[in-house]
Amino acid sequence: MKHIQIDLHFIRDLVQKSSLQVHHVHTQDQLADLLTKPLSRQRTELLRHKIGLTDGSSILRARIKEDSANHETAHN
């Protein structure tokens, strides 16, 4: 619990010095949810788009096909 209190005081001091501004973020706009919670496909896609994270599945599929083809060629 002590580390939370230290963090709280550190942030509070920065806010009081105007070095940091704190704003409320609505639940629907919590981008970290993408990395910390299980979400529906629709919610995942929305948050992924908001942070600019692309879907790498097509790259992975192509890479797997290339690796499989190279592996088969090497054994023949």
PDB file of N, CA and C in Angstrom:
ATOM      1  N   MET A   1       0.821  -1.191   0.000  1.00  0.00           N
ATOM      2  CA  MET A   1       0.000   0.000   0.000  1.00  0.00           C
ATOM      3  C   MET A   1       0.867   1.258   0.000  1.00  0.00           C
ATOM      4  N   LYS A   2       2.055   1.142   0.566  1.00  0.00           N
ATOM      5  CA  LYS A   2       2.916   2.311   0.701  1.00  0.00           C
ATOM      6  C   LYS A   2       3.301   2.888  -0.664  1.00  0.00           C
ATOM      7  N   HIS A   3       3.608   2.015  -1.661  1.00  0.00           N
ATOM      8  CA  HIS A   3       4.009   2.521  -2.977  1.00  0.00           C
ATOM      9  C   HIS A   3       2.884   3.311  -3.641  1.00  0.00           C
ATOM     10  N   ILE A   4       1.634   2.940  -3.384  1.00  0.00           N
ATOM     11  CA  ILE A   4       0.497   3.690  -3.928  1.00  0.00           C
ATOM     12  C   ILE A   4       0.444   5.083  -3.309  1.00  0.00           C
ATOM     13  N   GLN A   5       0.685   5.172  -2.015  1.00  0.00           N
ATOM     14  CA  GLN A   5       0.670   6.472  -1.341  1.00  0.00           C
ATOM     15  C   GLN A   5       1.800   7.367  -1.855  1.00  0.00           C
ATOM     16  N   ILE A   6       2.965   6.793  -2.096  1.00  0.00           N
ATOM     17  CA  ILE A   6       4.085   7.570  -2.638  1.00  0.00           C
ATOM     18  C   ILE A   6       3.728   8.084  -4.028  1.00  0.00           C
ATOM     19  N   ASP A   7       3.167   7.213  -4.869  1.00  0.00           N
ATOM     20  CA  ASP A   7       2.747   7.623  -6.212  1.00  0.00           C
ATOM     21  C   ASP A   7       1.710   8.736  -6.145  1.00  0.00           C
ATOM     22  N   LEU A   8       0.762   8.595  -5.241  1.00  0.00           N
ATOM     23  CA  LEU A   8      -0.290   9.591  -5.093  1.00  0.00           C
ATOM     24  C   LEU A   8       0.296  10.955  -4.735  1.00  0.00           C
ATOM     25  N   HIS A   9       1.208  10.972  -3.792  1.00  0.00           N
ATOM     26  CA  HIS A   9       1.830  12.236  -3.382  1.00  0.00           C
ATOM     27  C   HIS A   9       2.682  12.831  -4.504  1.00  0.00           C
ATOM     28  N   PHE A  10       3.388  11.984  -5.230  1.00  0.00           N
ATOM     29  CA  PHE A  10       4.206  12.439  -6.349  1.00  0.00           C
ATOM     30  C   PHE A  10       3.338  13.121  -7.402  1.00  0.00           C
ATOM     31  N   ILE A  11       2.241  12.478  -7.788  1.00  0.00           N
ATOM     32  CA  ILE A  11       1.329  13.038  -8.796  1.00  0.00           C
ATOM     33  C   ILE A  11       0.666  14.295  -8.257  1.00  0.00           C
ATOM     34  N   ARG A  12       0.229  14.266  -7.017  1.00  0.00           N
ATOM     35  CA  ARG A  12      -0.408  15.443  -6.422  1.00  0.00           C
ATOM     36  C   ARG A  12       0.532  16.648  -6.450  1.00  0.00           C
ATOM     37  N   ASP A  13       1.806  16.437  -6.127  1.00  0.00           N
ATOM     38  CA  ASP A  13       2.782  17.531  -6.160  1.00  0.00           C
ATOM     39  C   ASP A  13       2.950  18.093  -7.569  1.00  0.00           C
ATOM     40  N   LEU A  14       2.997  17.221  -8.565  1.00  0.00           N
ATOM     41  CA  LEU A  14       3.120  17.682  -9.953  1.00  0.00           C
ATOM     42  C   LEU A  14       1.902  18.487 -10.385  1.00  0.00           C
ATOM     43  N   VAL A  15       0.719  18.049  -9.972  1.00  0.00           N
ATOM     44  CA  VAL A  15      -0.510  18.778 -10.304  1.00  0.00           C
ATOM     45  C   VAL A  15      -0.502  20.145  -9.627  1.00  0.00           C
ATOM     46  N   GLN A  16      -0.102  20.196  -8.376  1.00  0.00           N
ATOM     47  CA  GLN A  16      -0.065  21.474  -7.656  1.00  0.00           C
ATOM     48  C   GLN A  16       0.948  22.445  -8.268  1.00  0.00           C
ATOM     49  N   LYS A  17       2.030  21.924  -8.824  1.00  0.00           N
ATOM     50  CA  LYS A  17       3.048  22.765  -9.468  1.00  0.00           C
ATOM     51  C   LYS A  17       2.673  23.115 -10.914  1.00  0.00           C
ATOM     52  N   SER A  18       1.532  22.612 -11.378  1.00  0.00           N
ATOM     53  CA  SER A  18       1.062  22.792 -12.757  1.00  0.00           C
ATOM     54  C   SER A  18       2.001  22.145 -13.774  1.00  0.00           C
ATOM     55  N   SER A  19       2.768  21.176 -13.341  1.00  0.00           N
ATOM     56  CA  SER A  19       3.629  20.423 -14.251  1.00  0.00           C
ATOM     57  C   SER A  19       2.851  19.311 -14.955  1.00  0.00           C
ATOM     58  N   LEU A  20       1.710  18.985 -14.383  1.00  0.00           N
ATOM     59  CA  LEU A  20       0.889  17.903 -14.909  1.00  0.00           C
ATOM     60  C   LEU A  20      -0.572  18.286 -14.782  1.00  0.00           C
ATOM     61  N   GLN A  21      -1.314  18.065 -15.847  1.00  0.00           N
ATOM     62  CA  GLN A  21      -2.759  18.288 -15.802  1.00  0.00           C
ATOM     63  C   GLN A  21      -3.460  16.938 -15.837  1.00  0.00           C
ATOM     64  N   VAL A  22      -4.414  16.764 -14.965  1.00  0.00           N
ATOM     65  CA  VAL A  22      -5.146  15.515 -14.873  1.00  0.00           C
ATOM     66  C   VAL A  22      -6.565  15.759 -15.363  1.00  0.00           C
ATOM     67  N   HIS A  23      -7.036  14.899 -16.254  1.00  0.00           N
ATOM     68  CA  HIS A  23      -8.389  15.009 -16.795  1.00  0.00           C
ATOM     69  C   HIS A  23      -9.109  13.680 -16.636  1.00  0.00           C
ATOM     70  N   HIS A  24     -10.405  13.755 -16.460  1.00  0.00           N
ATOM     71  CA  HIS A  24     -11.222  12.552 -16.385  1.00  0.00           C
ATOM     72  C   HIS A  24     -11.283  11.907 -17.769  1.00  0.00           C
ATOM     73  N   VAL A  25     -11.156  10.607 -17.800  1.00  0.00           N
ATOM     74  CA  VAL A  25     -11.296   9.851 -19.048  1.00  0.00           C
ATOM     75  C   VAL A  25     -12.483   8.917 -18.864  1.00  0.00           C
ATOM     76  N   HIS A  26     -13.486   9.077 -19.714  1.00  0.00           N
ATOM     77  CA  HIS A  26     -14.698   8.257 -19.648  1.00  0.00           C
ATOM     78  C   HIS A  26     -14.356   6.787 -19.891  1.00  0.00           C
ATOM     79  N   THR A  27     -15.108   5.919 -19.296  1.00  0.00           N
ATOM     80  CA  THR A  27     -14.900   4.483 -19.429  1.00  0.00           C
ATOM     81  C   THR A  27     -14.791   4.050 -20.888  1.00  0.00           C
ATOM     82  N   GLN A  28     -15.608   4.607 -21.757  1.00  0.00           N
ATOM     83  CA  GLN A  28     -15.590   4.229 -23.169  1.00  0.00           C
ATOM     84  C   GLN A  28     -14.327   4.669 -23.892  1.00  0.00           C
ATOM     85  N   ASP A  29     -13.558   5.555 -23.294  1.00  0.00           N
ATOM     86  CA  ASP A  29     -12.348   6.074 -23.933  1.00  0.00           C
ATOM     87  C   ASP A  29     -11.060   5.553 -23.308  1.00  0.00           C
ATOM     88  N   GLN A  30     -11.155   4.535 -22.468  1.00  0.00           N
ATOM     89  CA  GLN A  30      -9.973   3.982 -21.804  1.00  0.00           C
ATOM     90  C   GLN A  30      -9.201   3.094 -22.780  1.00  0.00           C
ATOM     91  N   LEU A  31      -8.181   3.657 -23.401  1.00  0.00           N
ATOM     92  CA  LEU A  31      -7.412   2.922 -24.403  1.00  0.00           C
ATOM     93  C   LEU A  31      -6.651   1.741 -23.804  1.00  0.00           C
ATOM     94  N   ALA A  32      -6.268   1.841 -22.548  1.00  0.00           N
ATOM     95  CA  ALA A  32      -5.514   0.765 -21.901  1.00  0.00           C
ATOM     96  C   ALA A  32      -6.336  -0.516 -21.797  1.00  0.00           C
ATOM     97  N   ASP A  33      -7.651  -0.413 -21.871  1.00  0.00           N
ATOM     98  CA  ASP A  33      -8.499  -1.604 -21.807  1.00  0.00           C
ATOM     99  C   ASP A  33      -8.102  -2.620 -22.877  1.00  0.00           C
ATOM    100  N   LEU A  34      -7.638  -2.134 -24.010  1.00  0.00           N
ATOM    101  CA  LEU A  34      -7.240  -3.019 -25.104  1.00  0.00           C
ATOM    102  C   LEU A  34      -6.145  -3.982 -24.661  1.00  0.00           C
ATOM    103  N   LEU A  35      -5.276  -3.516 -23.795  1.00  0.00           N
ATOM    104  CA  LEU A  35      -4.138  -4.325 -23.373  1.00  0.00           C
ATOM    105  C   LEU A  35      -4.337  -4.994 -22.021  1.00  0.00           C
ATOM    106  N   THR A  36      -5.423  -4.663 -21.329  1.00  0.00           N
ATOM    107  CA  THR A  36      -5.574  -5.162 -19.970  1.00  0.00           C
ATOM    108  C   THR A  36      -6.841  -5.964 -19.706  1.00  0.00           C
ATOM    109  N   LYS A  37      -7.787  -5.979 -20.656  1.00  0.00           N
ATOM    110  CA  LYS A  37      -9.067  -6.646 -20.402  1.00  0.00           C
ATOM    111  C   LYS A  37      -9.507  -7.468 -21.607  1.00  0.00           C
ATOM    112  N   PRO A  38     -10.258  -8.526 -21.354  1.00  0.00           N
ATOM    113  CA  PRO A  38     -10.873  -9.232 -22.473  1.00  0.00           C
ATOM    114  C   PRO A  38     -12.029  -8.381 -23.007  1.00  0.00           C
ATOM    115  N   LEU A  39     -12.055  -8.150 -24.307  1.00  0.00           N
ATOM    116  CA  LEU A  39     -13.060  -7.281 -24.911  1.00  0.00           C
ATOM    117  C   LEU A  39     -13.743  -7.989 -26.070  1.00  0.00           C
ATOM    118  N   SER A  40     -14.907  -7.484 -26.437  1.00  0.00           N
ATOM    119  CA  SER A  40     -15.584  -8.001 -27.622  1.00  0.00           C
ATOM    120  C   SER A  40     -14.755  -7.646 -28.858  1.00  0.00           C
ATOM    121  N   ARG A  41     -14.990  -8.343 -29.934  1.00  0.00           N
ATOM    122  CA  ARG A  41     -14.259  -8.071 -31.178  1.00  0.00           C
ATOM    123  C   ARG A  41     -14.492  -6.621 -31.622  1.00  0.00           C
ATOM    124  N   GLN A  42     -15.741  -6.153 -31.518  1.00  0.00           N
ATOM    125  CA  GLN A  42     -16.075  -4.790 -31.933  1.00  0.00           C
ATOM    126  C   GLN A  42     -15.310  -3.761 -31.101  1.00  0.00           C
ATOM    127  N   ARG A  43     -15.287  -3.958 -29.790  1.00  0.00           N
ATOM    128  CA  ARG A  43     -14.576  -3.023 -28.902  1.00  0.00           C
ATOM    129  C   ARG A  43     -13.068  -3.069 -29.156  1.00  0.00           C
ATOM    130  N   THR A  44     -12.548  -4.275 -29.367  1.00  0.00           N
ATOM    131  CA  THR A  44     -11.125  -4.436 -29.672  1.00  0.00           C
ATOM    132  C   THR A  44     -10.760  -3.678 -30.941  1.00  0.00           C
ATOM    133  N   GLU A  45     -11.562  -3.848 -31.985  1.00  0.00           N
ATOM    134  CA  GLU A  45     -11.298  -3.164 -33.253  1.00  0.00           C
ATOM    135  C   GLU A  45     -11.337  -1.652 -33.087  1.00  0.00           C
ATOM    136  N   LEU A  46     -12.314  -1.151 -32.337  1.00  0.00           N
ATOM    137  CA  LEU A  46     -12.440   0.294 -32.123  1.00  0.00           C
ATOM    138  C   LEU A  46     -11.214   0.853 -31.406  1.00  0.00           C
ATOM    139  N   LEU A  47     -10.822   0.231 -30.309  1.00  0.00           N
ATOM    140  CA  LEU A  47      -9.673   0.717 -29.549  1.00  0.00           C
ATOM    141  C   LEU A  47      -8.375   0.545 -30.332  1.00  0.00           C
ATOM    142  N   ARG A  48      -8.256  -0.557 -31.053  1.00  0.00           N
ATOM    143  CA  ARG A  48      -7.070  -0.788 -31.885  1.00  0.00           C
ATOM    144  C   ARG A  48      -6.923   0.320 -32.920  1.00  0.00           C
ATOM    145  N   HIS A  49      -8.035   0.700 -33.518  1.00  0.00           N
ATOM    146  CA  HIS A  49      -8.036   1.781 -34.502  1.00  0.00           C
ATOM    147  C   HIS A  49      -7.644   3.111 -33.850  1.00  0.00           C
ATOM    148  N   LYS A  50      -8.162   3.364 -32.638  1.00  0.00           N
ATOM    149  CA  LYS A  50      -7.874   4.626 -31.948  1.00  0.00           C
ATOM    150  C   LYS A  50      -6.394   4.797 -31.627  1.00  0.00           C
ATOM    151  N   ILE A  51      -5.702   3.693 -31.295  1.00  0.00           N
ATOM    152  CA  ILE A  51      -4.283   3.828 -30.968  1.00  0.00           C
ATOM    153  C   ILE A  51      -3.377   3.576 -32.173  1.00  0.00           C
ATOM    154  N   GLY A  52      -3.988   3.257 -33.312  1.00  0.00           N
ATOM    155  CA  GLY A  52      -3.206   3.078 -34.530  1.00  0.00           C
ATOM    156  C   GLY A  52      -2.495   1.743 -34.622  1.00  0.00           C
ATOM    157  N   LEU A  53      -3.021   0.733 -33.947  1.00  0.00           N
ATOM    158  CA  LEU A  53      -2.439  -0.595 -33.981  1.00  0.00           C
ATOM    159  C   LEU A  53      -3.059  -1.373 -35.137  1.00  0.00           C
ATOM    160  N   THR A  54      -2.238  -1.819 -36.061  1.00  0.00           N
ATOM    161  CA  THR A  54      -2.765  -2.527 -37.222  1.00  0.00           C
ATOM    162  C   THR A  54      -2.937  -4.005 -36.910  1.00  0.00           C
ATOM    163  N   ASP A  55      -3.764  -4.647 -37.688  1.00  0.00           N
ATOM    164  CA  ASP A  55      -3.993  -6.078 -37.563  1.00  0.00           C
ATOM    165  C   ASP A  55      -2.875  -6.786 -38.320  1.00  0.00           C
ATOM    166  N   GLY A  56      -2.016  -7.466 -37.610  1.00  0.00           N
ATOM    167  CA  GLY A  56      -0.872  -8.122 -38.238  1.00  0.00           C
ATOM    168  C   GLY A  56      -1.149  -9.534 -38.687  1.00  0.00           C
ATOM    169  N   SER A  57      -2.395  -9.975 -38.630  1.00  0.00           N
ATOM    170  CA  SER A  57      -2.679 -11.375 -38.949  1.00  0.00           C
ATOM    171  C   SER A  57      -2.343 -11.719 -40.390  1.00  0.00           C
ATOM    172  N   SER A  58      -2.550 -10.813 -41.339  1.00  0.00           N
ATOM    173  CA  SER A  58      -2.233 -11.124 -42.737  1.00  0.00           C
ATOM    174  C   SER A  58      -0.724 -11.261 -42.916  1.00  0.00           C
ATOM    175  N   ILE A  59       0.049 -10.475 -42.209  1.00  0.00           N
ATOM    176  CA  ILE A  59       1.502 -10.575 -42.278  1.00  0.00           C
ATOM    177  C   ILE A  59       1.940 -11.919 -41.702  1.00  0.00           C
ATOM    178  N   LEU A  60       1.332 -12.311 -40.594  1.00  0.00           N
ATOM    179  CA  LEU A  60       1.683 -13.586 -39.975  1.00  0.00           C
ATOM    180  C   LEU A  60       1.325 -14.755 -40.880  1.00  0.00           C
ATOM    181  N   ARG A  61       0.162 -14.704 -41.502  1.00  0.00           N
ATOM    182  CA  ARG A  61      -0.245 -15.795 -42.388  1.00  0.00           C
ATOM    183  C   ARG A  61       0.722 -15.930 -43.547  1.00  0.00           C
ATOM    184  N   ALA A  62       1.110 -14.820 -44.147  1.00  0.00           N
ATOM    185  CA  ALA A  62       2.046 -14.861 -45.271  1.00  0.00           C
ATOM    186  C   ALA A  62       3.387 -15.411 -44.810  1.00  0.00           C
ATOM    187  N   ARG A  63       3.827 -15.016 -43.647  1.00  0.00           N
ATOM    188  CA  ARG A  63       5.110 -15.477 -43.115  1.00  0.00           C
ATOM    189  C   ARG A  63       5.071 -16.978 -42.858  1.00  0.00           C
ATOM    190  N   ILE A  64       3.971 -17.475 -42.333  1.00  0.00           N
ATOM    191  CA  ILE A  64       3.852 -18.905 -42.056  1.00  0.00           C
ATOM    192  C   ILE A  64       3.886 -19.689 -43.358  1.00  0.00           C
ATOM    193  N   LYS A  65       3.197 -19.195 -44.390  1.00  0.00           N
ATOM    194  CA  LYS A  65       3.201 -19.871 -45.692  1.00  0.00           C
ATOM    195  C   LYS A  65       4.598 -19.889 -46.277  1.00  0.00           C
ATOM    196  N   GLU A  66       5.323 -18.774 -46.192  1.00  0.00           N
ATOM    197  CA  GLU A  66       6.688 -18.698 -46.706  1.00  0.00           C
ATOM    198  C   GLU A  66       7.592 -19.674 -45.971  1.00  0.00           C
ATOM    199  N   ASP A  67       7.491 -19.689 -44.636  1.00  0.00           N
ATOM    200  CA  ASP A  67       8.329 -20.575 -43.840  1.00  0.00           C
ATOM    201  C   ASP A  67       8.036 -22.039 -44.157  1.00  0.00           C
ATOM    202  N   SER A  68       6.753 -22.378 -44.341  1.00  0.00           N
ATOM    203  CA  SER A  68       6.381 -23.757 -44.672  1.00  0.00           C
ATOM    204  C   SER A  68       6.929 -24.153 -46.022  1.00  0.00           C
ATOM    205  N   ALA A  69       6.828 -23.262 -47.008  1.00  0.00           N
ATOM    206  CA  ALA A  69       7.328 -23.534 -48.350  1.00  0.00           C
ATOM    207  C   ALA A  69       8.845 -23.695 -48.329  1.00  0.00           C
ATOM    208  N   ASN A  70       9.537 -22.829 -47.609  1.00  0.00           N
ATOM    209  CA  ASN A  70      10.999 -22.926 -47.511  1.00  0.00           C
ATOM    210  C   ASN A  70      11.426 -24.194 -46.802  1.00  0.00           C
ATOM    211  N   HIS A  71      10.683 -24.597 -45.789  1.00  0.00           N
ATOM    212  CA  HIS A  71      10.983 -25.812 -45.039  1.00  0.00           C
ATOM    213  C   HIS A  71      10.807 -27.034 -45.921  1.00  0.00           C
ATOM    214  N   GLU A  72       9.741 -27.073 -46.703  1.00  0.00           N
ATOM    215  CA  GLU A  72       9.487 -28.210 -47.594  1.00  0.00           C
ATOM    216  C   GLU A  72      10.543 -28.272 -48.696  1.00  0.00           C
ATOM    217  N   THR A  73      10.928 -27.122 -49.250  1.00  0.00           N
ATOM    218  CA  THR A  73      11.939 -27.076 -50.308  1.00  0.00           C
ATOM    219  C   THR A  73      13.283 -27.557 -49.783  1.00  0.00           C
ATOM    220  N   ALA A  74      13.615 -27.191 -48.572  1.00  0.00           N
ATOM    221  CA  ALA A  74      14.896 -27.575 -47.976  1.00  0.00           C
ATOM    222  C   ALA A  74      14.964 -29.075 -47.737  1.00  0.00           C
ATOM    223  N   HIS A  75      13.828 -29.719 -47.471  1.00  0.00           N
ATOM    224  CA  HIS A  75      13.830 -31.158 -47.202  1.00  0.00           C
ATOM    225  C   HIS A  75      13.700 -31.999 -48.457  1.00  0.00           C
ATOM    226  N   ASN A  76      13.446 -31.405 -49.595  1.00  0.00           N
ATOM    227  CA  ASN A  76      13.268 -32.164 -50.847  1.00  0.00           C
ATOM    228  C   ASN A  76      14.530 -32.219 -51.650  1.00  0.00           C
TER     229      ASN A  76
END
